[in-house]
Amino acid sequence: MSSGFGSRGGFSGRSRSGGSGNSVDMFVPAGDCGKIIGRGGSKIRELQESSGARIKVSRDDEGDGTRRVELSGSESAVAEAERLINDILENGDERAPRQQQSYGNGGGSGGSREVIQIDSSYVGRLIGKGGSKVRELQDESGCRINVSRDGGSCGRTDVELIGSRSAIDRAKYAIDSITSQIY
């Protein structure tokens, strides 16, 4: 990812579903939260209206220079809010282009998306305390990593990888090394 977004630690997510809604946590560089909130909260209101999701930005730093941004709502609303926020962070401005996908069907800087499954018993090890391990993996691989919060079927959990093909391959290798360790 030539934009350097992954190397800034930009995104980490875990999603959960239950009842009528889903929730995804993003970990955003604290210095970039103003881009999401906007002057007087105008940008966050616009993002909530356009996506249909509820967006909550934590006031507290996670201790590693990031702040938690919680997205909640329907699956499609959460996905749209996530896309809009990622567009803002990747483009470095307050206007997320609504017509552009943040991860298209290959080519250029858009990147790729792949979903892998891991044994649910490894989720805690993959995420780490306060999301520290998943952020470290993102920094090292340059790939955004979203870990599903719902346990998935048959004891398996979905892990979404977003980035260049090589970044996804690096992330898969790192995740494989975590899930193959014997403790």
Protein backbone atom coordinates (compact mmCIF):
# COMPACT_ATOMS: atom_id res chain seq x y z
CA MET A 1 0.00 0.00 0.00
CA SER A 2 1.83 3.01 -1.21
CA SER A 3 -0.29 5.42 0.81
CA GLY A 4 1.39 4.25 3.99
CA PHE A 5 -1.99 3.88 5.68
CA GLY A 6 -1.26 0.38 6.92
CA SER A 7 2.10 1.44 8.28
CA ARG A 8 0.41 4.18 10.31
CA GLY A 9 -1.51 1.53 12.20
CA GLY A 10 -4.82 2.80 10.86
CA PHE A 11 -7.31 -0.01 11.10
CA SER A 12 -8.04 -2.87 13.35
CA GLY A 13 -11.38 -4.34 13.76
CA ARG A 14 -13.41 -6.94 15.45
CA SER A 15 -17.04 -7.28 14.58
CA ARG A 16 -19.91 -8.75 16.48
CA SER A 17 -23.46 -9.41 15.48
CA GLY A 18 -26.43 -9.95 17.61
CA GLY A 19 -30.08 -9.15 17.37
CA SER A 20 -30.66 -6.55 14.70
CA GLY A 21 -27.20 -5.04 14.50
CA ASN A 22 -23.50 -5.47 14.10
CA SER A 23 -20.62 -3.61 15.65
CA VAL A 24 -17.07 -3.08 14.40
CA ASP A 25 -14.23 -1.44 16.31
CA MET A 26 -11.68 0.51 14.30
CA PHE A 27 -8.44 1.74 15.81
CA VAL A 28 -7.55 5.07 14.24
CA PRO A 29 -4.42 7.19 14.76
CA ALA A 30 -5.41 9.72 17.42
CA GLY A 31 -4.20 12.58 15.23
CA ASP A 32 -6.63 11.56 12.48
CA CYS A 33 -9.77 11.44 14.63
CA GLY A 34 -10.50 15.09 13.92
CA LYS A 35 -10.94 14.18 10.25
CA ILE A 36 -13.69 11.76 11.24
CA ILE A 37 -15.37 14.07 13.77
CA GLY A 38 -15.15 17.31 11.79
CA ARG A 39 -15.69 20.85 13.02
CA GLY A 40 -18.35 20.77 15.72
CA GLY A 41 -19.11 17.13 14.93
CA SER A 42 -20.31 17.95 11.43
CA LYS A 43 -18.34 15.21 9.68
CA ILE A 44 -19.36 12.41 12.03
CA ARG A 45 -23.03 13.44 11.65
CA GLU A 46 -22.62 13.41 7.87
CA LEU A 47 -20.98 9.96 8.01
CA GLN A 48 -23.79 8.63 10.22
CA GLU A 49 -26.47 10.03 7.91
CA SER A 50 -24.85 8.71 4.71
CA SER A 51 -24.09 5.26 6.08
CA GLY A 52 -27.01 4.71 8.44
CA ALA A 53 -24.57 3.46 11.11
CA ARG A 54 -23.97 4.88 14.57
CA ILE A 55 -20.36 6.06 14.97
CA LYS A 56 -18.78 6.61 18.38
CA VAL A 57 -15.20 7.91 18.75
CA SER A 58 -13.54 7.15 22.09
CA ARG A 59 -12.14 10.15 23.94
CA ASP A 60 -9.31 8.05 25.34
CA ASP A 61 -6.10 7.04 23.61
CA GLU A 62 -5.57 3.25 23.59
CA GLY A 63 -2.02 3.80 24.88
CA ASP A 64 -0.41 3.29 21.48
CA GLY A 65 -1.41 6.53 19.78
CA THR A 66 -4.74 5.20 18.51
CA ARG A 67 -8.35 5.76 19.51
CA ARG A 68 -11.23 3.31 19.22
CA VAL A 69 -14.01 4.16 16.76
CA GLU A 70 -17.08 1.97 17.24
CA LEU A 71 -19.46 1.49 14.31
CA SER A 72 -22.85 -0.10 14.95
CA GLY A 73 -25.97 -0.80 12.94
CA SER A 74 -27.02 -3.13 10.17
CA GLU A 75 -24.30 -5.09 8.41
CA SER A 76 -24.57 -2.91 5.29
CA ALA A 77 -24.60 0.34 7.30
CA VAL A 78 -21.51 -0.69 9.27
CA ALA A 79 -19.72 -1.73 6.07
CA GLU A 80 -20.54 1.61 4.43
CA ALA A 81 -19.39 3.60 7.49
CA GLU A 82 -16.17 1.59 7.56
CA ARG A 83 -15.61 2.28 3.85
CA LEU A 84 -16.24 6.02 4.25
CA ILE A 85 -13.90 6.30 7.25
CA ASN A 86 -11.18 4.33 5.47
CA ASP A 87 -11.56 6.64 2.46
CA ILE A 88 -11.09 9.67 4.73
CA LEU A 89 -7.99 8.17 6.34
CA GLU A 90 -6.45 6.95 3.09
CA ASN A 91 -7.12 10.14 1.15
CA GLY A 92 -5.87 12.37 3.94
CA ASP A 93 -8.74 14.82 3.69
CA GLU A 94 -12.18 15.28 5.18
CA ARG A 95 -14.11 14.41 2.03
CA ALA A 96 -14.59 10.73 1.39
CA PRO A 97 -15.48 10.19 -2.25
CA ARG A 98 -18.81 8.38 -2.20
CA GLN A 99 -18.49 6.97 -5.70
CA GLN A 100 -15.10 5.31 -5.09
CA GLN A 101 -14.68 1.95 -3.37
CA SER A 102 -11.84 1.90 -0.88
CA TYR A 103 -10.94 -1.58 -2.04
CA GLY A 104 -11.87 -2.28 -5.62
CA ASN A 105 -11.46 -5.26 -7.87
CA GLY A 106 -7.71 -5.12 -8.18
CA GLY A 107 -5.30 -2.81 -9.92
CA GLY A 108 -3.62 0.33 -8.67
CA SER A 109 -3.72 1.32 -5.04
CA GLY A 110 -7.22 0.00 -4.36
CA GLY A 111 -5.96 -3.33 -3.10
CA SER A 112 -7.68 -6.63 -2.53
CA ARG A 113 -9.94 -8.22 0.05
CA GLU A 114 -9.78 -11.80 1.30
CA VAL A 115 -11.58 -13.58 4.12
CA ILE A 116 -9.85 -16.45 5.89
CA GLN A 117 -11.05 -18.55 8.81
CA ILE A 118 -9.18 -19.40 11.99
CA ASP A 119 -10.04 -21.65 14.89
CA SER A 120 -12.02 -19.49 17.35
CA SER A 121 -9.70 -20.50 20.19
CA TYR A 122 -6.95 -18.34 18.60
CA VAL A 123 -8.98 -15.10 18.37
CA GLY A 124 -7.69 -13.69 21.66
CA ARG A 125 -4.10 -14.46 20.74
CA LEU A 126 -4.56 -12.82 17.32
CA ILE A 127 -6.16 -9.65 18.71
CA GLY A 128 -3.94 -9.28 21.78
CA LYS A 129 -4.56 -7.13 24.83
CA GLY A 130 -6.53 -4.05 23.81
CA GLY A 131 -5.99 -4.94 20.14
CA SER A 132 -2.21 -4.57 20.42
CA LYS A 133 -1.28 -7.74 18.52
CA VAL A 134 -3.61 -7.12 15.57
CA ARG A 135 -2.30 -3.54 15.29
CA GLU A 136 1.28 -4.86 15.34
CA LEU A 137 0.42 -7.34 12.56
CA GLN A 138 -1.14 -4.53 10.53
CA ASP A 139 1.94 -2.37 10.96
CA GLU A 140 4.27 -5.18 9.94
CA SER A 141 2.24 -6.47 7.00
CA GLY A 142 0.69 -3.24 5.69
CA CYS A 143 -2.65 -5.09 5.59
CA ARG A 144 -5.85 -4.11 7.41
CA ILE A 145 -7.14 -7.00 9.54
CA ASN A 146 -10.76 -7.28 10.72
CA VAL A 147 -11.58 -10.10 13.13
CA SER A 148 -15.25 -11.08 13.35
CA ARG A 149 -16.65 -10.92 16.87
CA ASP A 150 -19.30 -13.56 16.41
CA GLY A 151 -17.86 -17.00 16.96
CA GLY A 152 -18.75 -18.11 13.48
CA SER A 153 -19.88 -21.59 12.61
CA CYS A 154 -18.25 -24.79 13.80
CA GLY A 155 -15.78 -23.03 16.07
CA ARG A 156 -14.29 -21.00 13.21
CA THR A 157 -13.97 -17.20 13.06
CA ASP A 158 -13.75 -15.07 9.91
CA VAL A 159 -10.75 -12.78 9.52
CA GLU A 160 -10.99 -10.17 6.75
CA LEU A 161 -7.73 -9.01 5.16
CA ILE A 162 -7.65 -5.82 3.08
CA GLY A 163 -4.61 -4.52 1.23
CA SER A 164 -2.26 -5.26 -1.61
CA ARG A 165 -1.80 -8.90 -2.59
CA SER A 166 1.67 -8.97 -1.01
CA ALA A 167 0.37 -7.33 2.20
CA ILE A 168 -2.40 -9.92 2.43
CA ASP A 169 0.14 -12.71 1.92
CA ARG A 170 2.36 -11.28 4.69
CA ALA A 171 -0.64 -11.03 7.04
CA LYS A 172 -1.74 -14.61 6.25
CA TYR A 173 1.77 -15.87 6.99
CA ALA A 174 1.86 -13.99 10.32
CA ILE A 175 -1.62 -15.21 11.28
CA ASP A 176 -0.66 -18.76 10.35
CA SER A 177 2.41 -18.56 12.59
CA ILE A 178 0.19 -17.43 15.51
CA THR A 179 -2.41 -20.13 14.97
CA SER A 180 0.16 -22.90 14.60
CA GLN A 181 2.03 -22.15 17.85
CA ILE A 182 1.66 -24.74 20.59
CA TYR A 183 1.21 -23.42 24.12
